[in-house]
Every structure is written in C-alpha cells, then in structure tokens.
Amino acid sequence: MIVEASITGVIRTVLILIGILVVLRFLGQLMNAKRNMEEERELNKRSRQQQSERERVQRNFGRTQVNNRVDYQDGIEDVDFEEVE
C-alpha cells in the first residue's frame, strides 16, 4: 500500500498539533493560577490567625492565670511530705 503525503494533510496535522499544544498550555496556566489562589487563601488565613493571637496576647498582657489541673498517673500522687510513726 502506497501512501502519498499531501500538502493539505501535512498542514492539517501541524495545525492539529499546534492546537493541542495551545490547549495544554492554557490548561497548565489555569491550573497554576488555581494553585496560586489556594496558596494565597491559606496565607491570608494564617495571617488572620496570627493577628487574632497577637490581639489575644495583648489583651491578656500582665494578667495572671491559675490552672487548677492535677495530673494523676496510675494513681500515684507526688507529695512534699513523708509520714513518720
């Protein structure tokens, strides 16, 4: 079977390849933009959390906080004295 290459067939093939490359490049840029937007959103979220933590620390500056929390491990209690009979 003999296949002849025609000018129109070659041009059509080149145009199809160029079209595929353009579409792939566009999709790559679209995905890159989406990733950048998500990173910016995460950065803004961290910044807001840091700002709220800074405001909370500034509000509580100079205050004393007492935590009444006792940790017991296996029923053992640490004491400062010893009973003598």
C-alpha atoms as a PDB file:
ATOM      1  CA  MET A   1       0.000   0.000   0.000  1.00  0.00           C
ATOM      2  CA  ILE A   2       1.473   3.277  -1.070  1.00  0.00           C
ATOM      3  CA  VAL A   3       0.577   6.361   0.942  1.00  0.00           C
ATOM      4  CA  GLU A   4       1.159   9.754  -0.531  1.00  0.00           C
ATOM      5  CA  ALA A   5       1.630  12.817   1.653  1.00  0.00           C
ATOM      6  CA  SER A   6      -0.344  15.797   0.557  1.00  0.00           C
ATOM      7  CA  ILE A   7       0.364  19.396   1.430  1.00  0.00           C
ATOM      8  CA  THR A   8      -3.107  19.844   2.936  1.00  0.00           C
ATOM      9  CA  GLY A   9      -2.682  16.741   5.093  1.00  0.00           C
ATOM     10  CA  VAL A  10       0.661  17.960   6.445  1.00  0.00           C
ATOM     11  CA  ILE A  11      -0.705  21.438   7.131  1.00  0.00           C
ATOM     12  CA  ARG A  12      -3.774  19.959   8.846  1.00  0.00           C
ATOM     13  CA  THR A  13      -1.569  17.723  11.029  1.00  0.00           C
ATOM     14  CA  VAL A  14       0.682  20.649  12.003  1.00  0.00           C
ATOM     15  CA  LEU A  15      -2.358  22.791  12.860  1.00  0.00           C
ATOM     16  CA  ILE A  16      -3.830  19.984  14.979  1.00  0.00           C
ATOM     17  CA  LEU A  17      -0.535  19.622  16.885  1.00  0.00           C
ATOM     18  CA  ILE A  18      -0.303  23.384  17.416  1.00  0.00           C
ATOM     19  CA  GLY A  19      -3.924  23.448  18.634  1.00  0.00           C
ATOM     20  CA  ILE A  20      -3.254  20.628  21.107  1.00  0.00           C
ATOM     21  CA  LEU A  21      -0.166  22.423  22.444  1.00  0.00           C
ATOM     22  CA  VAL A  22      -2.107  25.690  22.841  1.00  0.00           C
ATOM     23  CA  VAL A  23      -4.900  23.916  24.741  1.00  0.00           C
ATOM     24  CA  LEU A  24      -2.417  22.117  27.006  1.00  0.00           C
ATOM     25  CA  ARG A  25      -0.571  25.359  27.722  1.00  0.00           C
ATOM     26  CA  PHE A  26      -3.845  27.122  28.554  1.00  0.00           C
ATOM     27  CA  LEU A  27      -4.863  24.313  30.928  1.00  0.00           C
ATOM     28  CA  GLY A  28      -1.437  24.470  32.598  1.00  0.00           C
ATOM     29  CA  GLN A  29      -1.746  28.209  33.189  1.00  0.00           C
ATOM     30  CA  LEU A  30      -5.282  27.730  34.516  1.00  0.00           C
ATOM     31  CA  MET A  31      -4.141  25.071  36.982  1.00  0.00           C
ATOM     32  CA  ASN A  32      -1.184  27.222  38.054  1.00  0.00           C
ATOM     33  CA  ALA A  33      -3.500  30.180  38.715  1.00  0.00           C
ATOM     34  CA  LYS A  34      -5.820  27.979  40.763  1.00  0.00           C
ATOM     35  CA  ARG A  35      -2.906  26.694  42.862  1.00  0.00           C
ATOM     36  CA  ASN A  36      -1.660  30.252  43.458  1.00  0.00           C
ATOM     37  CA  MET A  37      -5.123  31.342  44.602  1.00  0.00           C
ATOM     38  CA  GLU A  38      -5.311  28.455  47.080  1.00  0.00           C
ATOM     39  CA  GLU A  39      -1.846  29.288  48.446  1.00  0.00           C
ATOM     40  CA  GLU A  40      -2.834  32.939  48.834  1.00  0.00           C
ATOM     41  CA  ARG A  41      -6.045  31.946  50.624  1.00  0.00           C
ATOM     42  CA  GLU A  42      -4.062  29.750  53.042  1.00  0.00           C
ATOM     43  CA  LEU A  43      -1.524  32.545  53.621  1.00  0.00           C
ATOM     44  CA  ASN A  44      -4.336  35.011  54.414  1.00  0.00           C
ATOM     45  CA  LYS A  45      -5.892  32.502  56.810  1.00  0.00           C
ATOM     46  CA  ARG A  46      -2.584  32.079  58.669  1.00  0.00           C
ATOM     47  CA  SER A  47      -2.141  35.847  58.791  1.00  0.00           C
ATOM     48  CA  ARG A  48      -5.609  36.333  60.311  1.00  0.00           C
ATOM     49  CA  GLN A  49      -4.915  33.619  62.902  1.00  0.00           C
ATOM     50  CA  GLN A  50      -1.595  35.218  63.801  1.00  0.00           C
ATOM     51  CA  GLN A  51      -3.246  38.651  64.109  1.00  0.00           C
ATOM     52  CA  SER A  52      -6.018  37.316  66.365  1.00  0.00           C
ATOM     53  CA  GLU A  53      -3.458  35.515  68.539  1.00  0.00           C
ATOM     54  CA  ARG A  54      -1.417  38.740  68.805  1.00  0.00           C
ATOM     55  CA  GLU A  55      -4.550  40.668  69.859  1.00  0.00           C
ATOM     56  CA  ARG A  56      -5.435  37.988  72.439  1.00  0.00           C
ATOM     57  CA  VAL A  57      -1.926  38.121  73.927  1.00  0.00           C
ATOM     58  CA  GLN A  58      -2.028  41.924  74.007  1.00  0.00           C
ATOM     59  CA  ARG A  59      -5.416  41.853  75.769  1.00  0.00           C
ATOM     60  CA  ASN A  60      -4.169  39.416  78.432  1.00  0.00           C
ATOM     61  CA  PHE A  61      -0.780  41.077  78.946  1.00  0.00           C
ATOM     62  CA  GLY A  62       0.027  41.378  82.663  1.00  0.00           C
ATOM     63  CA  ARG A  63      -2.788  39.116  83.855  1.00  0.00           C
ATOM     64  CA  THR A  64      -2.162  36.069  85.992  1.00  0.00           C
ATOM     65  CA  GLN A  65      -3.888  32.844  85.115  1.00  0.00           C
ATOM     66  CA  VAL A  66      -4.205  29.922  87.532  1.00  0.00           C
ATOM     67  CA  ASN A  67      -4.996  26.499  86.199  1.00  0.00           C
ATOM     68  CA  ASN A  68      -6.413  24.031  88.741  1.00  0.00           C
ATOM     69  CA  ARG A  69      -5.430  20.936  86.875  1.00  0.00           C
ATOM     70  CA  VAL A  70      -3.982  17.892  88.581  1.00  0.00           C
ATOM     71  CA  ASP A  71      -2.451  15.079  86.588  1.00  0.00           C
ATOM     72  CA  TYR A  72      -2.506  11.649  88.191  1.00  0.00           C
ATOM     73  CA  GLN A  73      -0.682   8.821  86.541  1.00  0.00           C
ATOM     74  CA  ASP A  74      -1.627   5.291  87.652  1.00  0.00           C
ATOM     75  CA  GLY A  75      -2.999   6.567  90.975  1.00  0.00           C
ATOM     76  CA  ILE A  76       0.375   7.939  92.102  1.00  0.00           C
ATOM     77  CA  GLU A  77       0.362  11.361  93.703  1.00  0.00           C
ATOM     78  CA  ASP A  78       3.513  13.404  94.248  1.00  0.00           C
ATOM     79  CA  VAL A  79       3.615  14.811  97.800  1.00  0.00           C
ATOM     80  CA  ASP A  80       6.040  17.057  99.656  1.00  0.00           C
ATOM     81  CA  PHE A  81       5.967  15.295 102.987  1.00  0.00           C
ATOM     82  CA  GLU A  82       6.502  11.867 104.476  1.00  0.00           C
ATOM     83  CA  GLU A  83       4.618  10.383 107.421  1.00  0.00           C
ATOM     84  CA  VAL A  84       6.762   9.223 110.341  1.00  0.00           C
ATOM     85  CA  GLU A  85       5.408   6.909 113.036  1.00  0.00           C
END
